[in-house]
Amino acid sequence: MSDKEQDDLKDLTFEQAYRKLEETVKKLEAGNLPLAEALSLYQKGVALAQYCSQQLDSAELSIQVLTPSGELVDFDEV
């Protein structure tokens, strides 16, 4: 994946990246692509999957819970 394509990923929301990943998977599953195009799509799909995974990991780290006493604590401390 080119540097420009990597930069373009950073501009996507999680939802946009996930939609692109779904579209990529559908195209690959159709199975009617030339090998070079399929390989390129596969590489883009891997990058999109990694990006989505990073976004989910980041979101998980930032989730906080409001306790009954009104205190905000990290989710894993509850």
C-alpha atoms as a PDB file:
ATOM      1  CA  MET A   1       0.000   0.000   0.000  1.00  0.00           C
ATOM      2  CA  SER A   2       1.391   3.393  -0.958  1.00  0.00           C
ATOM      3  CA  ASP A   3       2.145   6.179   1.486  1.00  0.00           C
ATOM      4  CA  LYS A   4      -0.766   8.173   0.083  1.00  0.00           C
ATOM      5  CA  GLU A   5      -3.148   5.276   0.671  1.00  0.00           C
ATOM      6  CA  GLN A   6      -1.824   4.959   4.239  1.00  0.00           C
ATOM      7  CA  ASP A   7      -2.426   8.675   4.780  1.00  0.00           C
ATOM      8  CA  ASP A   8      -5.926   8.334   3.314  1.00  0.00           C
ATOM      9  CA  LEU A   9      -6.697   5.668   5.918  1.00  0.00           C
ATOM     10  CA  LYS A  10      -5.955   8.108   8.714  1.00  0.00           C
ATOM     11  CA  ASP A  11      -8.647  10.432   7.375  1.00  0.00           C
ATOM     12  CA  LEU A  12     -11.343   7.748   7.623  1.00  0.00           C
ATOM     13  CA  THR A  13     -13.675   7.216  10.529  1.00  0.00           C
ATOM     14  CA  PHE A  14     -13.974   3.694  11.875  1.00  0.00           C
ATOM     15  CA  GLU A  15     -17.331   3.313  10.156  1.00  0.00           C
ATOM     16  CA  GLN A  16     -15.979   4.439   6.781  1.00  0.00           C
ATOM     17  CA  ALA A  17     -12.981   2.112   7.032  1.00  0.00           C
ATOM     18  CA  TYR A  18     -15.210  -0.796   8.051  1.00  0.00           C
ATOM     19  CA  ARG A  19     -17.522  -0.191   5.074  1.00  0.00           C
ATOM     20  CA  LYS A  20     -14.523  -0.127   2.732  1.00  0.00           C
ATOM     21  CA  LEU A  21     -13.286  -3.352   4.299  1.00  0.00           C
ATOM     22  CA  GLU A  22     -16.670  -4.998   3.735  1.00  0.00           C
ATOM     23  CA  GLU A  23     -16.673  -3.852   0.094  1.00  0.00           C
ATOM     24  CA  THR A  24     -13.154  -5.181  -0.377  1.00  0.00           C
ATOM     25  CA  VAL A  25     -14.080  -8.572   1.065  1.00  0.00           C
ATOM     26  CA  LYS A  26     -17.140  -8.815  -1.201  1.00  0.00           C
ATOM     27  CA  LYS A  27     -15.021  -8.073  -4.278  1.00  0.00           C
ATOM     28  CA  LEU A  28     -12.459 -10.683  -3.264  1.00  0.00           C
ATOM     29  CA  GLU A  29     -15.119 -13.274  -2.484  1.00  0.00           C
ATOM     30  CA  ALA A  30     -16.662 -12.803  -5.937  1.00  0.00           C
ATOM     31  CA  GLY A  31     -13.476 -14.380  -7.260  1.00  0.00           C
ATOM     32  CA  ASN A  32     -13.546 -12.866 -10.737  1.00  0.00           C
ATOM     33  CA  LEU A  33     -10.520 -10.571 -10.424  1.00  0.00           C
ATOM     34  CA  PRO A  34      -7.164 -10.880 -12.138  1.00  0.00           C
ATOM     35  CA  LEU A  35      -4.451 -12.050  -9.748  1.00  0.00           C
ATOM     36  CA  ALA A  36      -2.654  -8.686  -9.571  1.00  0.00           C
ATOM     37  CA  GLU A  37      -5.877  -6.836  -8.750  1.00  0.00           C
ATOM     38  CA  ALA A  38      -6.885  -9.453  -6.176  1.00  0.00           C
ATOM     39  CA  LEU A  39      -3.480  -9.169  -4.503  1.00  0.00           C
ATOM     40  CA  SER A  40      -3.735  -5.377  -4.406  1.00  0.00           C
ATOM     41  CA  LEU A  41      -7.243  -5.555  -2.928  1.00  0.00           C
ATOM     42  CA  TYR A  42      -6.070  -8.110  -0.377  1.00  0.00           C
ATOM     43  CA  GLN A  43      -3.269  -5.787   0.749  1.00  0.00           C
ATOM     44  CA  LYS A  44      -5.723  -2.892   1.073  1.00  0.00           C
ATOM     45  CA  GLY A  45      -8.063  -5.141   3.033  1.00  0.00           C
ATOM     46  CA  VAL A  46      -5.306  -6.099   5.454  1.00  0.00           C
ATOM     47  CA  ALA A  47      -4.455  -2.425   5.990  1.00  0.00           C
ATOM     48  CA  LEU A  48      -8.125  -1.582   6.554  1.00  0.00           C
ATOM     49  CA  ALA A  49      -8.510  -4.469   9.019  1.00  0.00           C
ATOM     50  CA  GLN A  50      -5.429  -3.328  10.953  1.00  0.00           C
ATOM     51  CA  TYR A  51      -6.712   0.247  11.024  1.00  0.00           C
ATOM     52  CA  CYS A  52     -10.133  -0.861  12.304  1.00  0.00           C
ATOM     53  CA  SER A  53      -8.492  -3.035  14.943  1.00  0.00           C
ATOM     54  CA  GLN A  54      -6.342  -0.128  16.131  1.00  0.00           C
ATOM     55  CA  GLN A  55      -9.400   2.116  16.324  1.00  0.00           C
ATOM     56  CA  LEU A  56     -11.261  -0.460  18.422  1.00  0.00           C
ATOM     57  CA  ASP A  57      -8.271  -0.941  20.731  1.00  0.00           C
ATOM     58  CA  SER A  58      -8.023   2.813  21.193  1.00  0.00           C
ATOM     59  CA  ALA A  59     -11.730   3.108  21.953  1.00  0.00           C
ATOM     60  CA  GLU A  60     -11.553   0.277  24.464  1.00  0.00           C
ATOM     61  CA  LEU A  61      -8.755   2.023  26.319  1.00  0.00           C
ATOM     62  CA  SER A  62     -10.739   5.222  26.614  1.00  0.00           C
ATOM     63  CA  ILE A  63     -14.034   3.771  27.855  1.00  0.00           C
ATOM     64  CA  GLN A  64     -14.916   4.997  31.302  1.00  0.00           C
ATOM     65  CA  VAL A  65     -17.811   4.150  33.574  1.00  0.00           C
ATOM     66  CA  LEU A  66     -19.752   6.397  35.899  1.00  0.00           C
ATOM     67  CA  THR A  67     -19.980   4.652  39.262  1.00  0.00           C
ATOM     68  CA  PRO A  68     -23.021   4.956  41.548  1.00  0.00           C
ATOM     69  CA  SER A  69     -21.062   7.483  43.633  1.00  0.00           C
ATOM     70  CA  GLY A  70     -20.635   9.709  40.557  1.00  0.00           C
ATOM     71  CA  GLU A  71     -16.956   8.938  40.031  1.00  0.00           C
ATOM     72  CA  LEU A  72     -15.551   8.205  36.548  1.00  0.00           C
ATOM     73  CA  VAL A  73     -13.290   5.152  36.475  1.00  0.00           C
ATOM     74  CA  ASP A  74     -11.764   3.094  33.689  1.00  0.00           C
ATOM     75  CA  PHE A  75     -14.024   0.302  32.517  1.00  0.00           C
ATOM     76  CA  ASP A  76     -11.623  -2.458  33.604  1.00  0.00           C
ATOM     77  CA  GLU A  77     -11.582  -1.121  37.192  1.00  0.00           C
ATOM     78  CA  VAL A  78     -15.297  -1.760  37.705  1.00  0.00           C
END
